[in-house]
């Protein structure tokens, strides 16, 4: 088997594996949302994000950043509510107000969206964070803190992709499509993946995997670590 074919096969297997875990996560979260038990607003918001798949939390983060015109990473209550509603998550006004005031601990009228997303992200043991960091570092070939199409060119080959061979899509288009998996349909799909988005994506996948050793093996196989 050629080097190109091995890379393509590895990418296909990785995609199938992740889709399987993502489908499991979506189904589980949807069941929990409709099981009739009362949930606190943060748990409900997390499940709503999970029901969007692996890009749910990172997509919400992008919705928030799109409103952060001054780069302060601070959101007032109006912006917070608008961001969640624009993203299409179904929480009542009372739940949103409770959620905002839960994070506005100093009563300043604003919350730090990075801290909020960190608490929204499902908790992970350090061993999982470490392997995610290793994967990101491998993908970030030029060490500039983000993953781009140029980075992927050093990791993946699209030469044997059917759409590349027929001329339907170029190398850049296929690699950008791959990056868009991390951004989701409601992201701004700029073809740039930050480390925060990368971690948020795999933190969501992590929530569907109980065994630490299996998660580690999955990541090592996916990224040839």
C-alpha atoms as a PDB file:
ATOM      1  CA  UNK A   1       0.000   0.000   0.000  1.00  0.00           C
ATOM      2  CA  UNK A   2       1.403   3.417  -0.974  1.00  0.00           C
ATOM      3  CA  UNK A   3       2.203   6.131   1.570  1.00  0.00           C
ATOM      4  CA  UNK A   4      -0.613   8.285   0.166  1.00  0.00           C
ATOM      5  CA  UNK A   5      -3.120   5.446   0.402  1.00  0.00           C
ATOM      6  CA  UNK A   6      -2.102   4.723   4.009  1.00  0.00           C
ATOM      7  CA  UNK A   7      -2.649   8.349   4.965  1.00  0.00           C
ATOM      8  CA  UNK A   8      -6.021   8.441   3.224  1.00  0.00           C
ATOM      9  CA  UNK A   9      -7.102   5.147   4.818  1.00  0.00           C
ATOM     10  CA  UNK A  10      -6.074   6.393   8.262  1.00  0.00           C
ATOM     11  CA  UNK A  11      -8.131   9.543   7.747  1.00  0.00           C
ATOM     12  CA  UNK A  12     -11.173   7.515   6.618  1.00  0.00           C
ATOM     13  CA  UNK A  13     -10.941   5.194   9.649  1.00  0.00           C
ATOM     14  CA  UNK A  14     -10.553   8.149  11.986  1.00  0.00           C
ATOM     15  CA  UNK A  15     -13.618   9.854  10.500  1.00  0.00           C
ATOM     16  CA  UNK A  16     -15.783   6.717  10.798  1.00  0.00           C
ATOM     17  CA  UNK A  17     -14.674   6.191  14.401  1.00  0.00           C
ATOM     18  CA  UNK A  18     -15.412   9.767  15.416  1.00  0.00           C
ATOM     19  CA  UNK A  19     -18.793   9.762  13.671  1.00  0.00           C
ATOM     20  CA  UNK A  20     -19.716   6.619  15.614  1.00  0.00           C
ATOM     21  CA  UNK A  21     -18.871   8.249  18.951  1.00  0.00           C
ATOM     22  CA  UNK A  22     -20.547  11.478  17.898  1.00  0.00           C
ATOM     23  CA  UNK A  23     -23.775   9.673  16.994  1.00  0.00           C
ATOM     24  CA  UNK A  24     -23.696   7.902  20.359  1.00  0.00           C
ATOM     25  CA  UNK A  25     -23.241  11.234  22.139  1.00  0.00           C
ATOM     26  CA  UNK A  26     -26.068  12.923  20.206  1.00  0.00           C
ATOM     27  CA  UNK A  27     -28.509  10.092  20.926  1.00  0.00           C
ATOM     28  CA  UNK A  28     -27.577   9.957  24.617  1.00  0.00           C
ATOM     29  CA  UNK A  29     -27.929  13.713  25.130  1.00  0.00           C
ATOM     30  CA  UNK A  30     -31.259  13.828  23.310  1.00  0.00           C
ATOM     31  CA  UNK A  31     -32.587  11.046  25.545  1.00  0.00           C
ATOM     32  CA  UNK A  32     -31.415  12.847  28.670  1.00  0.00           C
ATOM     33  CA  UNK A  33     -33.018  16.101  27.520  1.00  0.00           C
ATOM     34  CA  UNK A  34     -36.400  14.393  27.223  1.00  0.00           C
ATOM     35  CA  UNK A  35     -36.271  11.989  30.194  1.00  0.00           C
ATOM     36  CA  UNK A  36     -38.491  14.240  32.330  1.00  0.00           C
ATOM     37  CA  UNK A  37     -35.939  14.896  35.076  1.00  0.00           C
ATOM     38  CA  UNK A  38     -35.260  18.450  36.209  1.00  0.00           C
ATOM     39  CA  UNK A  39     -31.843  19.772  35.233  1.00  0.00           C
ATOM     40  CA  UNK A  40     -29.936  22.853  36.263  1.00  0.00           C
ATOM     41  CA  UNK A  41     -29.402  25.385  33.422  1.00  0.00           C
ATOM     42  CA  UNK A  42     -25.691  24.564  32.948  1.00  0.00           C
ATOM     43  CA  UNK A  43     -26.365  20.831  32.592  1.00  0.00           C
ATOM     44  CA  UNK A  44     -29.207  21.543  30.174  1.00  0.00           C
ATOM     45  CA  UNK A  45     -27.041  23.883  28.083  1.00  0.00           C
ATOM     46  CA  UNK A  46     -24.246  21.292  27.962  1.00  0.00           C
ATOM     47  CA  UNK A  47     -26.706  18.601  26.791  1.00  0.00           C
ATOM     48  CA  UNK A  48     -28.126  20.954  24.165  1.00  0.00           C
ATOM     49  CA  UNK A  49     -24.607  21.533  22.860  1.00  0.00           C
ATOM     50  CA  UNK A  50     -23.934  17.782  22.879  1.00  0.00           C
ATOM     51  CA  UNK A  51     -27.110  17.241  20.880  1.00  0.00           C
ATOM     52  CA  UNK A  52     -25.461  19.313  18.126  1.00  0.00           C
ATOM     53  CA  UNK A  53     -22.560  16.880  17.998  1.00  0.00           C
ATOM     54  CA  UNK A  54     -18.854  17.360  18.563  1.00  0.00           C
ATOM     55  CA  UNK A  55     -18.885  20.957  17.315  1.00  0.00           C
ATOM     56  CA  UNK A  56     -21.670  22.116  19.653  1.00  0.00           C
ATOM     57  CA  UNK A  57     -19.506  23.793  22.281  1.00  0.00           C
ATOM     58  CA  UNK A  58     -16.920  25.176  19.863  1.00  0.00           C
ATOM     59  CA  UNK A  59     -19.752  26.471  17.667  1.00  0.00           C
ATOM     60  CA  UNK A  60     -21.256  28.327  20.620  1.00  0.00           C
ATOM     61  CA  UNK A  61     -17.812  29.755  21.339  1.00  0.00           C
ATOM     62  CA  UNK A  62     -17.628  31.088  17.786  1.00  0.00           C
ATOM     63  CA  UNK A  63     -21.066  32.636  18.110  1.00  0.00           C
ATOM     64  CA  UNK A  64     -19.838  34.479  21.207  1.00  0.00           C
ATOM     65  CA  UNK A  65     -16.579  35.585  19.560  1.00  0.00           C
ATOM     66  CA  UNK A  66     -18.473  36.985  16.578  1.00  0.00           C
ATOM     67  CA  UNK A  67     -20.069  39.480  18.990  1.00  0.00           C
ATOM     68  CA  UNK A  68     -16.811  40.333  20.751  1.00  0.00           C
ATOM     69  CA  UNK A  69     -15.977  43.375  18.633  1.00  0.00           C
ATOM     70  CA  UNK A  70     -13.382  44.810  21.017  1.00  0.00           C
ATOM     71  CA  UNK A  71     -11.621  41.508  21.740  1.00  0.00           C
ATOM     72  CA  UNK A  72     -12.242  41.805  25.481  1.00  0.00           C
ATOM     73  CA  UNK A  73     -13.759  38.297  25.740  1.00  0.00           C
ATOM     74  CA  UNK A  74     -16.369  39.847  28.049  1.00  0.00           C
ATOM     75  CA  UNK A  75     -20.097  39.452  27.448  1.00  0.00           C
ATOM     76  CA  UNK A  76     -22.890  41.386  29.112  1.00  0.00           C
ATOM     77  CA  UNK A  77     -26.220  39.694  29.787  1.00  0.00           C
ATOM     78  CA  UNK A  78     -27.831  40.919  26.570  1.00  0.00           C
ATOM     79  CA  UNK A  79     -24.931  39.597  24.461  1.00  0.00           C
ATOM     80  CA  UNK A  80     -24.881  36.323  26.378  1.00  0.00           C
ATOM     81  CA  UNK A  81     -28.602  35.713  25.810  1.00  0.00           C
ATOM     82  CA  UNK A  82     -28.387  36.766  22.154  1.00  0.00           C
ATOM     83  CA  UNK A  83     -25.427  34.462  21.495  1.00  0.00           C
ATOM     84  CA  UNK A  84     -27.172  31.406  22.887  1.00  0.00           C
ATOM     85  CA  UNK A  85     -30.463  32.178  21.114  1.00  0.00           C
ATOM     86  CA  UNK A  86     -28.736  32.976  17.805  1.00  0.00           C
ATOM     87  CA  UNK A  87     -27.050  29.594  18.062  1.00  0.00           C
ATOM     88  CA  UNK A  88     -30.526  28.075  18.364  1.00  0.00           C
ATOM     89  CA  UNK A  89     -30.309  26.598  21.862  1.00  0.00           C
ATOM     90  CA  UNK A  90     -33.657  26.288  23.622  1.00  0.00           C
ATOM     91  CA  UNK A  91     -33.391  27.736  27.130  1.00  0.00           C
ATOM     92  CA  UNK A  92     -36.012  29.890  28.802  1.00  0.00           C
ATOM     93  CA  UNK A  93     -35.351  33.521  29.738  1.00  0.00           C
ATOM     94  CA  UNK A  94     -35.319  32.543  33.415  1.00  0.00           C
ATOM     95  CA  UNK A  95     -32.764  29.771  32.771  1.00  0.00           C
ATOM     96  CA  UNK A  96     -30.528  32.119  30.800  1.00  0.00           C
ATOM     97  CA  UNK A  97     -30.688  34.774  33.501  1.00  0.00           C
ATOM     98  CA  UNK A  98     -29.846  32.209  36.191  1.00  0.00           C
ATOM     99  CA  UNK A  99     -26.946  30.915  34.102  1.00  0.00           C
ATOM    100  CA  UNK A 100     -25.549  34.382  33.508  1.00  0.00           C
ATOM    101  CA  UNK A 101     -25.714  35.428  37.149  1.00  0.00           C
ATOM    102  CA  UNK A 102     -24.145  32.112  38.169  1.00  0.00           C
ATOM    103  CA  UNK A 103     -21.013  33.122  36.261  1.00  0.00           C
ATOM    104  CA  UNK A 104     -21.129  36.840  37.006  1.00  0.00           C
ATOM    105  CA  UNK A 105     -19.690  36.145  40.439  1.00  0.00           C
ATOM    106  CA  UNK A 106     -18.501  39.681  41.152  1.00  0.00           C
ATOM    107  CA  UNK A 107     -21.750  41.297  40.006  1.00  0.00           C
ATOM    108  CA  UNK A 108     -19.926  43.376  37.379  1.00  0.00           C
ATOM    109  CA  UNK A 109     -22.592  42.776  34.748  1.00  0.00           C
ATOM    110  CA  UNK A 110     -20.287  40.805  32.460  1.00  0.00           C
ATOM    111  CA  UNK A 111     -18.787  37.329  32.225  1.00  0.00           C
ATOM    112  CA  UNK A 112     -15.564  36.063  30.659  1.00  0.00           C
ATOM    113  CA  UNK A 113     -16.614  33.859  27.746  1.00  0.00           C
ATOM    114  CA  UNK A 114     -13.435  31.732  27.888  1.00  0.00           C
ATOM    115  CA  UNK A 115     -14.052  30.855  31.538  1.00  0.00           C
ATOM    116  CA  UNK A 116     -17.696  30.156  30.771  1.00  0.00           C
ATOM    117  CA  UNK A 117     -16.818  27.773  27.930  1.00  0.00           C
ATOM    118  CA  UNK A 118     -14.249  26.010  30.118  1.00  0.00           C
ATOM    119  CA  UNK A 119     -16.962  25.271  32.681  1.00  0.00           C
ATOM    120  CA  UNK A 120     -19.413  24.268  29.984  1.00  0.00           C
ATOM    121  CA  UNK A 121     -16.897  21.827  28.527  1.00  0.00           C
ATOM    122  CA  UNK A 122     -17.224  18.341  30.072  1.00  0.00           C
ATOM    123  CA  UNK A 123     -14.455  17.697  32.620  1.00  0.00           C
ATOM    124  CA  UNK A 124     -11.581  15.488  31.512  1.00  0.00           C
ATOM    125  CA  UNK A 125      -8.722  13.820  33.391  1.00  0.00           C
ATOM    126  CA  UNK A 126      -5.248  15.211  32.717  1.00  0.00           C
ATOM    127  CA  UNK A 127      -4.254  12.130  30.720  1.00  0.00           C
ATOM    128  CA  UNK A 128      -6.897  12.976  28.089  1.00  0.00           C
ATOM    129  CA  UNK A 129      -5.899  16.631  27.971  1.00  0.00           C
ATOM    130  CA  UNK A 130      -2.282  15.571  27.482  1.00  0.00           C
ATOM    131  CA  UNK A 131      -3.014  13.342  24.484  1.00  0.00           C
ATOM    132  CA  UNK A 132      -5.213  16.055  22.914  1.00  0.00           C
ATOM    133  CA  UNK A 133      -2.328  18.516  23.361  1.00  0.00           C
ATOM    134  CA  UNK A 134       0.028  16.076  21.619  1.00  0.00           C
ATOM    135  CA  UNK A 135      -2.379  15.730  18.687  1.00  0.00           C
ATOM    136  CA  UNK A 136      -2.722  19.498  18.345  1.00  0.00           C
ATOM    137  CA  UNK A 137       1.045  20.014  18.429  1.00  0.00           C
ATOM    138  CA  UNK A 138       1.483  17.458  15.649  1.00  0.00           C
ATOM    139  CA  UNK A 139      -1.181  19.091  13.493  1.00  0.00           C
ATOM    140  CA  UNK A 140       0.149  22.614  14.131  1.00  0.00           C
ATOM    141  CA  UNK A 141       3.188  22.079  11.924  1.00  0.00           C
ATOM    142  CA  UNK A 142       4.440  25.680  12.011  1.00  0.00           C
ATOM    143  CA  UNK A 143       3.820  26.116  15.759  1.00  0.00           C
ATOM    144  CA  UNK A 144       1.792  29.322  15.369  1.00  0.00           C
ATOM    145  CA  UNK A 145      -0.990  28.191  17.720  1.00  0.00           C
ATOM    146  CA  UNK A 146      -3.613  27.422  15.066  1.00  0.00           C
ATOM    147  CA  UNK A 147      -4.227  24.648  12.530  1.00  0.00           C
ATOM    148  CA  UNK A 148      -4.625  25.737   8.903  1.00  0.00           C
ATOM    149  CA  UNK A 149      -4.696  24.154   5.461  1.00  0.00           C
ATOM    150  CA  UNK A 150      -0.938  24.647   5.159  1.00  0.00           C
ATOM    151  CA  UNK A 151      -0.417  22.684   8.381  1.00  0.00           C
ATOM    152  CA  UNK A 152      -2.555  19.824   7.085  1.00  0.00           C
ATOM    153  CA  UNK A 153      -0.527  19.571   3.901  1.00  0.00           C
ATOM    154  CA  UNK A 154       2.297  18.251   6.074  1.00  0.00           C
ATOM    155  CA  UNK A 155       0.048  15.602   7.657  1.00  0.00           C
ATOM    156  CA  UNK A 156      -2.524  14.459   5.080  1.00  0.00           C
ATOM    157  CA  UNK A 157      -2.497  13.737   1.392  1.00  0.00           C
ATOM    158  CA  UNK A 158      -5.656  14.053  -0.696  1.00  0.00           C
ATOM    159  CA  UNK A 159      -4.072  12.596  -3.848  1.00  0.00           C
ATOM    160  CA  UNK A 160      -6.227   9.466  -3.728  1.00  0.00           C
ATOM    161  CA  UNK A 161      -9.452  11.172  -2.647  1.00  0.00           C
ATOM    162  CA  UNK A 162     -12.107  10.475  -5.324  1.00  0.00           C
ATOM    163  CA  UNK A 163     -13.159  14.123  -5.577  1.00  0.00           C
ATOM    164  CA  UNK A 164      -9.527  15.184  -6.036  1.00  0.00           C
ATOM    165  CA  UNK A 165      -8.921  12.576  -8.709  1.00  0.00           C
ATOM    166  CA  UNK A 166     -11.993  13.635 -10.697  1.00  0.00           C
ATOM    167  CA  UNK A 167     -11.112  17.317 -10.386  1.00  0.00           C
ATOM    168  CA  UNK A 168     -14.322  18.046  -8.479  1.00  0.00           C
ATOM    169  CA  UNK A 169     -12.408  19.538  -5.532  1.00  0.00           C
ATOM    170  CA  UNK A 170      -8.893  20.926  -5.162  1.00  0.00           C
ATOM    171  CA  UNK A 171      -6.437  19.976  -2.416  1.00  0.00           C
ATOM    172  CA  UNK A 172      -7.154  23.224  -0.544  1.00  0.00           C
ATOM    173  CA  UNK A 173     -10.919  22.701  -0.808  1.00  0.00           C
ATOM    174  CA  UNK A 174     -10.703  19.160   0.588  1.00  0.00           C
ATOM    175  CA  UNK A 175      -8.426  20.155   3.451  1.00  0.00           C
ATOM    176  CA  UNK A 176     -10.646  23.140   4.261  1.00  0.00           C
ATOM    177  CA  UNK A 177     -13.653  20.784   4.297  1.00  0.00           C
ATOM    178  CA  UNK A 178     -11.793  18.630   6.817  1.00  0.00           C
ATOM    179  CA  UNK A 179     -11.075  21.655   9.027  1.00  0.00           C
ATOM    180  CA  UNK A 180     -14.729  22.654   8.840  1.00  0.00           C
ATOM    181  CA  UNK A 181     -15.556  19.446  10.739  1.00  0.00           C
ATOM    182  CA  UNK A 182     -14.175  21.176  13.821  1.00  0.00           C
ATOM    183  CA  UNK A 183     -16.182  24.353  13.246  1.00  0.00           C
ATOM    184  CA  UNK A 184     -19.666  23.000  12.594  1.00  0.00           C
ATOM    185  CA  UNK A 185     -22.375  24.301  10.311  1.00  0.00           C
ATOM    186  CA  UNK A 186     -22.954  27.419  12.392  1.00  0.00           C
ATOM    187  CA  UNK A 187     -19.308  28.389  12.764  1.00  0.00           C
ATOM    188  CA  UNK A 188     -17.729  31.108  10.653  1.00  0.00           C
ATOM    189  CA  UNK A 189     -15.800  28.367   8.819  1.00  0.00           C
ATOM    190  CA  UNK A 190     -12.649  30.383   8.257  1.00  0.00           C
ATOM    191  CA  UNK A 191     -10.441  27.323   7.911  1.00  0.00           C
ATOM    192  CA  UNK A 192      -8.507  28.229  11.063  1.00  0.00           C
ATOM    193  CA  UNK A 193      -8.785  26.001  14.144  1.00  0.00           C
ATOM    194  CA  UNK A 194      -7.589  27.399  17.460  1.00  0.00           C
ATOM    195  CA  UNK A 195      -6.293  25.182  20.233  1.00  0.00           C
ATOM    196  CA  UNK A 196      -9.402  26.012  22.282  1.00  0.00           C
ATOM    197  CA  UNK A 197     -11.665  24.813  19.460  1.00  0.00           C
ATOM    198  CA  UNK A 198      -9.590  21.657  19.007  1.00  0.00           C
ATOM    199  CA  UNK A 199      -9.811  20.831  22.723  1.00  0.00           C
ATOM    200  CA  UNK A 200     -13.534  21.639  22.852  1.00  0.00           C
ATOM    201  CA  UNK A 201     -14.146  19.292  19.919  1.00  0.00           C
ATOM    202  CA  UNK A 202     -12.324  16.354  21.476  1.00  0.00           C
ATOM    203  CA  UNK A 203     -13.667  17.113  24.950  1.00  0.00           C
ATOM    204  CA  UNK A 204     -17.117  16.544  23.516  1.00  0.00           C
ATOM    205  CA  UNK A 205     -16.026  13.306  21.839  1.00  0.00           C
ATOM    206  CA  UNK A 206     -14.424  12.354  25.171  1.00  0.00           C
ATOM    207  CA  UNK A 207     -17.807  12.601  26.892  1.00  0.00           C
ATOM    208  CA  UNK A 208     -19.001   9.570  24.896  1.00  0.00           C
ATOM    209  CA  UNK A 209     -16.009   7.395  25.877  1.00  0.00           C
ATOM    210  CA  UNK A 210     -15.832   5.986  29.413  1.00  0.00           C
ATOM    211  CA  UNK A 211     -12.437   4.293  29.270  1.00  0.00           C
ATOM    212  CA  UNK A 212      -9.302   6.478  29.431  1.00  0.00           C
ATOM    213  CA  UNK A 213      -7.131   3.838  27.759  1.00  0.00           C
ATOM    214  CA  UNK A 214      -9.566   3.535  24.847  1.00  0.00           C
ATOM    215  CA  UNK A 215      -9.647   7.312  24.370  1.00  0.00           C
ATOM    216  CA  UNK A 216      -5.849   7.398  24.406  1.00  0.00           C
ATOM    217  CA  UNK A 217      -5.664   4.565  21.851  1.00  0.00           C
ATOM    218  CA  UNK A 218      -8.235   6.255  19.605  1.00  0.00           C
ATOM    219  CA  UNK A 219      -6.256   9.514  19.567  1.00  0.00           C
ATOM    220  CA  UNK A 220      -2.922   7.768  18.982  1.00  0.00           C
ATOM    221  CA  UNK A 221      -4.305   5.821  16.061  1.00  0.00           C
ATOM    222  CA  UNK A 222      -6.079   8.825  14.571  1.00  0.00           C
ATOM    223  CA  UNK A 223      -2.987  11.040  14.650  1.00  0.00           C
ATOM    224  CA  UNK A 224      -0.269   8.358  14.461  1.00  0.00           C
ATOM    225  CA  UNK A 225       1.206   9.529  17.766  1.00  0.00           C
END
